Amino acid sequence: MKLTVDLKENSYDIIIEKGLISRIGKEVKKVFSGNKIFILTDKNVDKFYGENLETNLIKEGFKVKKLILNPGEETKSFNTLPFIYNELLDFKITRSDLIITLGGGVIGDLGGFVASTFLRGIDFIQFPTSLLAQVDSSVGGKVGVDLEKGKNLVGSFYHPKAVFIDPNVLNTLSDRFFNDGMAEVIKYGLIKDKKLFYKLKSYENKEEVINNIEKIIHNCCTIKKIVVEKDEKDKGERMLLNFGHTIGHAIEQYFNYKKYTHGEGVAIGMFEITKISEELKLTNKGTSEEIKDLLIKYNLPYKMDIDISEILSTIALDKKNLDNNLNVILLKEIGESYIYKTNVEFFRQ
């Protein structure tokens, strides 16, 4: 399956295919004619796929260096950058070379930001290995790092040369991290695709989800591609993709990224914000219950275990806070979302 994100000179293809990693060298050759490739990955991913990717690229005649980082959100920090830049300098990377990010959202965001800033920009390819990265963070060109005060507060819009998605690599994901990605899949159903939402409801078990995973990934990437083509720089409709994220990011940060994964934070955020908007009669009654049922089905949390007042200062720093207006994403009903201008007081309901 192939999708093209049409952004004029920044256009690129998303290839979704089982077993893609075993011929990655040939695919890279189609979009990159240089010599050196720098692979950025983490310890968890490297033990399963690092050697496979490296060998495949060397076989095609590329000169390869691999940097293996610690897994986890803590790595996506501003402080990690000098270390990576120095490794790139040691490998004598130039503007005609390439970075490949092999990993989940942390590696993709971090590697993409490195690519966008090193030598004022070199090419990179996303090879996402988590479901969350495959359906969401690898597409759309948002790259960045975290500051102590919040997630993704330093970043840029910088698109990859290609996104290569091999659903087979999901087989080595733990159930928790598979479900983590399902939170973003559920999000797509909620904001834009009622049919997808009820399809997810109808699956009997994880096996059935896995059997349909290519279709699910294709569905989510199609929605994201259309939204990004309309609003590349996140000034309007693209904000809809952040449904559940305002509360989700704040919860993740409150617990120092230790208690909840990104998807778990988003799951709680989607339920909690819908509960508030239902009370304010901004969302059809019963929507939050339907969300809750599906989150339970996919073993995702939905209830916040802290008082909302604890995270209001973090919410105030949200990037959707423009001109003292906080743009929150709400649902009219399942499959239909909209931007609602308010302020932090909205969360004190």
Protein backbone atom coordinates (compact mmCIF):
# COMPACT_ATOMS: atom_id res chain seq x y z
CA MET A 1 0.00 0.00 0.00
CA LYS A 2 1.30 3.42 -0.91
CA LEU A 3 0.11 6.90 0.06
CA THR A 4 1.60 10.19 -1.09
CA VAL A 5 1.59 13.23 1.18
CA ASP A 6 1.23 16.04 -1.35
CA LEU A 7 3.08 19.10 -0.08
CA LYS A 8 4.51 20.36 -3.39
CA GLU A 9 8.34 20.30 -3.07
CA ASN A 10 8.07 18.60 0.34
CA SER A 11 5.94 15.68 -0.92
CA TYR A 12 6.83 12.15 0.13
CA ASP A 13 5.51 8.59 0.03
CA ILE A 14 4.32 6.40 2.87
CA ILE A 15 4.88 2.73 2.05
CA ILE A 16 2.95 0.22 4.18
CA GLU A 17 3.98 -3.37 3.56
CA LYS A 18 4.60 -6.48 5.63
CA GLY A 19 8.23 -7.62 5.39
CA LEU A 20 9.45 -4.24 4.09
CA ILE A 21 12.48 -4.22 6.41
CA SER A 22 14.07 -7.13 4.54
CA ARG A 23 14.44 -5.04 1.35
CA ILE A 24 14.86 -1.63 2.93
CA GLY A 25 18.15 -0.96 1.08
CA LYS A 26 16.44 -1.08 -2.32
CA GLU A 27 13.64 1.21 -1.12
CA VAL A 28 16.13 3.72 0.31
CA LYS A 29 17.96 3.78 -3.06
CA LYS A 30 14.78 5.04 -4.72
CA VAL A 31 14.79 8.23 -2.63
CA PHE A 32 18.46 8.70 -1.69
CA SER A 33 21.45 8.74 -4.05
CA GLY A 34 24.15 9.61 -1.49
CA ASN A 35 26.67 7.41 0.28
CA LYS A 36 26.48 7.73 4.09
CA ILE A 37 23.57 6.76 6.31
CA PHE A 38 23.36 7.44 10.04
CA ILE A 39 20.86 5.21 11.87
CA LEU A 40 19.36 6.51 15.11
CA THR A 41 17.63 3.89 17.26
CA ASP A 42 17.18 2.77 20.87
CA LYS A 43 18.28 -0.32 22.81
CA ASN A 44 14.86 -2.02 22.72
CA VAL A 45 14.42 -1.70 18.97
CA ASP A 46 18.07 -2.34 18.12
CA LYS A 47 18.08 -5.82 19.64
CA PHE A 48 15.29 -6.87 17.25
CA TYR A 49 15.88 -4.86 14.08
CA GLY A 50 19.10 -2.85 14.23
CA GLU A 51 21.38 -5.46 12.68
CA ASN A 52 18.81 -6.39 10.03
CA LEU A 53 18.52 -2.78 8.85
CA GLU A 54 22.26 -2.12 9.00
CA THR A 55 23.19 -5.29 7.07
CA ASN A 56 20.57 -4.58 4.43
CA LEU A 57 21.89 -1.07 3.82
CA ILE A 58 25.55 -2.16 3.74
CA LYS A 59 24.59 -4.85 1.17
CA GLU A 60 23.34 -2.05 -1.09
CA GLY A 61 26.72 -0.30 -0.83
CA PHE A 62 25.93 2.35 1.78
CA LYS A 63 28.41 3.39 4.45
CA VAL A 64 26.53 3.06 7.74
CA LYS A 65 26.91 4.19 11.34
CA LYS A 66 24.40 3.34 14.04
CA LEU A 67 23.80 5.21 17.29
CA ILE A 68 21.85 3.38 20.00
CA LEU A 69 20.15 5.52 22.67
CA ASN A 70 18.30 4.65 25.87
CA PRO A 71 14.59 4.05 25.33
CA GLY A 72 11.97 6.36 26.86
CA GLU A 73 10.75 9.94 26.82
CA GLU A 74 13.72 11.13 28.93
CA THR A 75 15.93 10.63 25.86
CA LYS A 76 13.84 13.12 23.86
CA SER A 77 15.49 15.94 25.74
CA PHE A 78 17.34 19.04 24.61
CA ASN A 79 20.36 17.71 26.55
CA THR A 80 20.67 14.67 24.25
CA LEU A 81 21.25 16.84 21.18
CA PRO A 82 24.97 17.79 21.58
CA PHE A 83 25.87 14.11 22.00
CA ILE A 84 24.11 13.16 18.74
CA TYR A 85 25.52 16.16 16.85
CA ASN A 86 29.04 15.13 17.91
CA GLU A 87 28.47 11.57 16.68
CA LEU A 88 27.32 12.98 13.32
CA LEU A 89 30.45 15.13 13.14
CA ASP A 90 32.67 12.13 13.93
CA PHE A 91 31.00 10.24 11.06
CA LYS A 92 31.67 13.32 8.86
CA ILE A 93 28.04 13.59 7.81
CA THR A 94 27.40 16.26 5.13
CA ARG A 95 24.26 17.76 3.66
CA SER A 96 24.24 15.12 0.95
CA ASP A 97 23.93 12.27 3.51
CA LEU A 98 20.94 10.74 5.29
CA ILE A 99 19.57 9.93 8.76
CA ILE A 100 17.20 7.01 9.30
CA THR A 101 15.14 6.96 12.49
CA LEU A 102 14.43 3.37 13.51
CA GLY A 103 12.10 3.38 16.50
CA GLY A 104 8.94 4.73 18.06
CA GLY A 105 7.76 8.30 18.47
CA VAL A 106 10.66 9.37 20.70
CA ILE A 107 13.33 8.34 18.17
CA GLY A 108 11.31 9.69 15.24
CA ASP A 109 10.71 13.09 16.84
CA LEU A 110 14.26 13.40 18.15
CA GLY A 111 15.95 12.14 14.96
CA GLY A 112 13.76 14.35 12.81
CA PHE A 113 14.66 17.39 14.91
CA VAL A 114 18.36 16.51 14.64
CA ALA A 115 17.97 16.21 10.84
CA SER A 116 16.17 19.57 10.66
CA THR A 117 18.85 21.43 12.63
CA PHE A 118 22.19 19.73 11.88
CA LEU A 119 24.00 21.70 9.14
CA ARG A 120 20.68 23.61 8.85
CA GLY A 121 18.94 20.53 7.53
CA ILE A 122 19.80 17.13 6.09
CA ASP A 123 17.49 14.46 4.65
CA PHE A 124 15.92 11.81 6.83
CA ILE A 125 13.68 8.76 6.51
CA GLN A 126 11.24 7.54 9.15
CA PHE A 127 11.10 3.80 9.87
CA PRO A 128 8.54 3.67 12.72
CA THR A 129 8.53 0.49 14.81
CA SER A 130 5.69 1.19 17.27
CA LEU A 131 2.00 1.25 16.37
CA LEU A 132 1.74 4.79 17.73
CA ALA A 133 4.53 6.00 15.44
CA GLN A 134 3.16 4.07 12.45
CA VAL A 135 -0.32 5.56 12.66
CA ASP A 136 0.59 9.01 13.88
CA SER A 137 3.93 10.58 14.78
CA SER A 138 5.98 9.43 11.76
CA VAL A 139 3.67 11.26 9.33
CA GLY A 140 3.25 15.01 9.06
CA GLY A 141 6.71 16.41 9.69
CA LYS A 142 6.32 17.47 13.32
CA VAL A 143 9.70 16.95 14.97
CA GLY A 144 10.95 18.15 18.32
CA VAL A 145 12.33 17.69 21.80
CA ASP A 146 11.00 18.24 25.31
CA LEU A 147 11.93 20.89 27.82
CA GLU A 148 11.55 20.47 31.58
CA LYS A 149 8.41 22.61 31.45
CA GLY A 150 6.66 20.54 28.82
CA LYS A 151 6.56 18.22 25.84
CA ASN A 152 7.63 19.22 22.32
CA LEU A 153 8.16 22.86 23.28
CA VAL A 154 11.17 23.07 20.94
CA GLY A 155 10.69 21.74 17.44
CA SER A 156 10.07 22.40 13.80
CA PHE A 157 8.04 21.26 10.81
CA TYR A 158 10.44 19.15 8.77
CA HIS A 159 9.25 16.41 6.46
CA PRO A 160 10.99 13.09 5.82
CA LYS A 161 12.00 11.88 2.34
CA ALA A 162 9.83 8.82 2.96
CA VAL A 163 8.05 6.84 5.67
CA PHE A 164 8.54 3.07 5.55
CA ILE A 165 6.03 1.09 7.61
CA ASP A 166 6.46 -2.66 8.14
CA PRO A 167 3.51 -3.93 10.25
CA ASN A 168 5.47 -7.15 10.97
CA VAL A 169 7.73 -5.26 13.40
CA LEU A 170 4.71 -4.81 15.68
CA ASN A 171 4.97 -8.52 16.58
CA THR A 172 7.74 -7.73 19.06
CA LEU A 173 5.77 -4.98 20.83
CA SER A 174 4.57 -5.74 24.34
CA ASP A 175 0.78 -5.68 24.83
CA ARG A 176 1.09 -2.43 26.75
CA PHE A 177 2.82 -0.64 23.88
CA PHE A 178 0.51 -2.16 21.30
CA ASN A 179 -2.45 -0.77 23.27
CA ASP A 180 -0.58 2.53 23.59
CA GLY A 181 -0.77 2.84 19.80
CA MET A 182 -4.41 1.76 19.77
CA ALA A 183 -5.22 4.93 21.75
CA GLU A 184 -4.16 7.01 18.72
CA VAL A 185 -6.10 4.69 16.40
CA ILE A 186 -9.21 5.23 18.56
CA LYS A 187 -8.52 8.98 18.37
CA TYR A 188 -8.70 8.90 14.57
CA GLY A 189 -12.04 7.11 14.74
CA LEU A 190 -13.35 9.70 17.19
CA ILE A 191 -12.27 12.80 15.29
CA LYS A 192 -12.87 11.79 11.67
CA ASP A 193 -14.02 8.22 11.07
CA LYS A 194 -17.11 6.87 12.79
CA LYS A 195 -16.84 3.64 10.76
CA LEU A 196 -13.34 2.99 12.11
CA PHE A 197 -14.53 3.59 15.69
CA TYR A 198 -17.29 0.98 15.41
CA LYS A 199 -15.01 -1.41 13.53
CA LEU A 200 -12.62 -1.28 16.52
CA LYS A 201 -15.59 -2.00 18.74
CA SER A 202 -16.49 -5.07 16.70
CA TYR A 203 -13.10 -6.83 16.79
CA GLU A 204 -13.20 -9.89 19.04
CA ASN A 205 -9.56 -9.92 20.16
CA LYS A 206 -6.01 -8.70 19.46
CA GLU A 207 -5.55 -11.40 16.79
CA GLU A 208 -8.41 -9.94 14.77
CA VAL A 209 -6.91 -6.46 15.12
CA ILE A 210 -3.51 -7.77 13.93
CA ASN A 211 -5.16 -9.47 10.94
CA ASN A 212 -6.55 -6.09 9.89
CA ILE A 213 -3.57 -4.00 10.94
CA GLU A 214 -2.42 -2.94 7.46
CA LYS A 215 -5.91 -1.58 6.74
CA ILE A 216 -6.03 0.17 10.14
CA ILE A 217 -2.63 1.84 9.60
CA HIS A 218 -3.61 2.85 6.06
CA ASN A 219 -6.86 4.36 7.37
CA CYS A 220 -5.12 6.45 10.05
CA CYS A 221 -2.32 7.61 7.72
CA THR A 222 -4.91 8.61 5.09
CA ILE A 223 -6.76 10.80 7.61
CA LYS A 224 -3.50 12.37 8.79
CA LYS A 225 -2.26 12.94 5.23
CA ILE A 226 -5.47 14.78 4.23
CA VAL A 227 -5.40 16.96 7.35
CA VAL A 228 -1.68 17.78 6.97
CA GLU A 229 -2.10 18.66 3.28
CA LYS A 230 -4.80 21.18 4.24
CA ASP A 231 -2.95 22.64 7.26
CA GLU A 232 0.74 21.80 7.28
CA LYS A 233 1.74 24.26 10.03
CA ASP A 234 -0.95 23.43 12.62
CA LYS A 235 -2.84 26.73 12.52
CA GLY A 236 -6.31 25.32 11.93
CA GLU A 237 -7.71 21.91 11.09
CA ARG A 238 -4.53 20.04 12.00
CA MET A 239 -5.21 20.90 15.64
CA LEU A 240 -8.01 18.30 15.50
CA LEU A 241 -5.30 15.61 15.57
CA ASN A 242 -4.52 16.74 19.12
CA PHE A 243 -7.83 15.54 20.53
CA GLY A 244 -7.13 14.28 24.07
CA HIS A 245 -3.57 15.64 24.00
CA THR A 246 -4.03 18.81 26.07
CA ILE A 247 -4.83 16.82 29.21
CA GLY A 248 -2.77 13.80 28.03
CA HIS A 249 0.53 15.69 27.70
CA ALA A 250 -0.02 17.41 31.05
CA ILE A 251 -0.63 14.08 32.82
CA GLU A 252 2.45 12.48 31.22
CA GLN A 253 4.57 15.37 32.38
CA TYR A 254 3.06 15.51 35.88
CA PHE A 255 4.25 11.94 36.45
CA ASN A 256 7.62 12.64 34.77
CA TYR A 257 6.75 10.28 31.89
CA LYS A 258 7.11 7.35 34.30
CA LYS A 259 3.53 6.36 35.11
CA TYR A 260 1.74 6.68 31.77
CA THR A 261 2.77 6.14 28.17
CA HIS A 262 1.78 8.78 25.61
CA GLY A 263 -1.19 6.73 24.40
CA GLU A 264 -2.39 6.14 27.95
CA GLY A 265 -2.25 9.89 28.64
CA VAL A 266 -4.20 10.58 25.44
CA ALA A 267 -6.80 7.92 26.38
CA ILE A 268 -7.43 9.62 29.73
CA GLY A 269 -7.45 13.02 28.01
CA MET A 270 -10.06 11.96 25.42
CA PHE A 271 -12.43 10.63 28.06
CA GLU A 272 -11.96 13.48 30.56
CA ILE A 273 -12.37 16.32 28.06
CA THR A 274 -15.47 14.67 26.58
CA LYS A 275 -16.98 14.36 30.05
CA ILE A 276 -16.49 18.11 30.55
CA SER A 277 -17.85 19.01 27.10
CA GLU A 278 -20.90 16.78 27.65
CA GLU A 279 -21.65 18.57 30.91
CA LEU A 280 -21.43 21.87 29.04
CA LYS A 281 -23.80 20.44 26.37
CA LEU A 282 -21.10 20.86 23.71
CA THR A 283 -21.04 17.13 22.92
CA ASN A 284 -23.85 14.64 22.39
CA LYS A 285 -24.83 12.92 25.63
CA GLY A 286 -23.47 9.40 26.05
CA THR A 287 -20.34 9.98 23.95
CA SER A 288 -17.95 9.77 26.91
CA GLU A 289 -19.50 6.42 27.93
CA GLU A 290 -18.88 5.02 24.43
CA ILE A 291 -15.28 6.23 24.59
CA LYS A 292 -14.86 4.68 28.04
CA ASP A 293 -16.18 1.29 26.85
CA LEU A 294 -13.75 1.17 23.93
CA LEU A 295 -10.79 2.24 26.09
CA ILE A 296 -11.60 -0.55 28.55
CA LYS A 297 -11.80 -3.03 25.66
CA TYR A 298 -8.23 -2.11 24.63
CA ASN A 299 -6.92 -2.12 28.21
CA LEU A 300 -6.42 1.63 28.29
CA PRO A 301 -6.98 3.88 31.32
CA TYR A 302 -9.72 6.50 31.18
CA LYS A 303 -9.88 8.03 34.66
CA MET A 304 -7.61 10.75 35.94
CA ASP A 305 -6.06 9.89 39.29
CA ILE A 306 -5.12 13.46 40.21
CA ASP A 307 -7.11 16.64 40.62
CA ILE A 308 -7.24 18.69 37.41
CA SER A 309 -5.97 21.76 39.35
CA GLU A 310 -2.59 19.97 39.65
CA ILE A 311 -1.99 20.25 35.90
CA LEU A 312 -3.59 23.58 34.98
CA SER A 313 -0.27 25.43 34.82
CA THR A 314 1.03 22.84 32.30
CA ILE A 315 -2.18 23.10 30.27
CA ALA A 316 -1.65 26.89 30.11
CA LEU A 317 1.66 26.24 28.27
CA ASP A 318 -0.09 24.14 25.60
CA LYS A 319 0.97 25.07 22.07
CA LYS A 320 -2.70 25.45 21.11
CA ASN A 321 -2.86 28.40 23.52
CA LEU A 322 -2.91 31.30 21.04
CA ASP A 323 -3.50 34.95 22.06
CA ASN A 324 -4.71 33.80 25.49
CA ASN A 325 -7.27 31.64 23.75
CA LEU A 326 -6.85 27.95 24.44
CA ASN A 327 -8.03 25.97 21.44
CA VAL A 328 -9.43 22.72 22.80
CA ILE A 329 -10.55 19.91 20.55
CA LEU A 330 -14.04 18.61 21.25
CA LEU A 331 -16.41 16.12 19.65
CA LYS A 332 -19.89 16.96 18.44
CA GLU A 333 -20.38 13.21 18.31
CA ILE A 334 -18.31 10.16 17.43
CA GLY A 335 -16.55 10.81 14.11
CA GLU A 336 -17.02 14.59 14.20
CA SER A 337 -14.63 16.96 15.95
CA TYR A 338 -14.20 20.71 16.12
CA ILE A 339 -12.00 23.43 17.61
CA TYR A 340 -13.49 25.28 20.57
CA LYS A 341 -11.93 28.55 21.73
CA THR A 342 -11.85 28.90 25.50
CA ASN A 343 -9.29 29.31 28.29
CA VAL A 344 -7.85 27.29 31.15
CA GLU A 345 -11.03 27.89 33.18
CA PHE A 346 -12.78 25.42 30.87
CA PHE A 347 -11.07 22.62 32.82
CA ARG A 348 -12.37 23.76 36.18
CA GLN A 349 -15.90 22.48 35.46
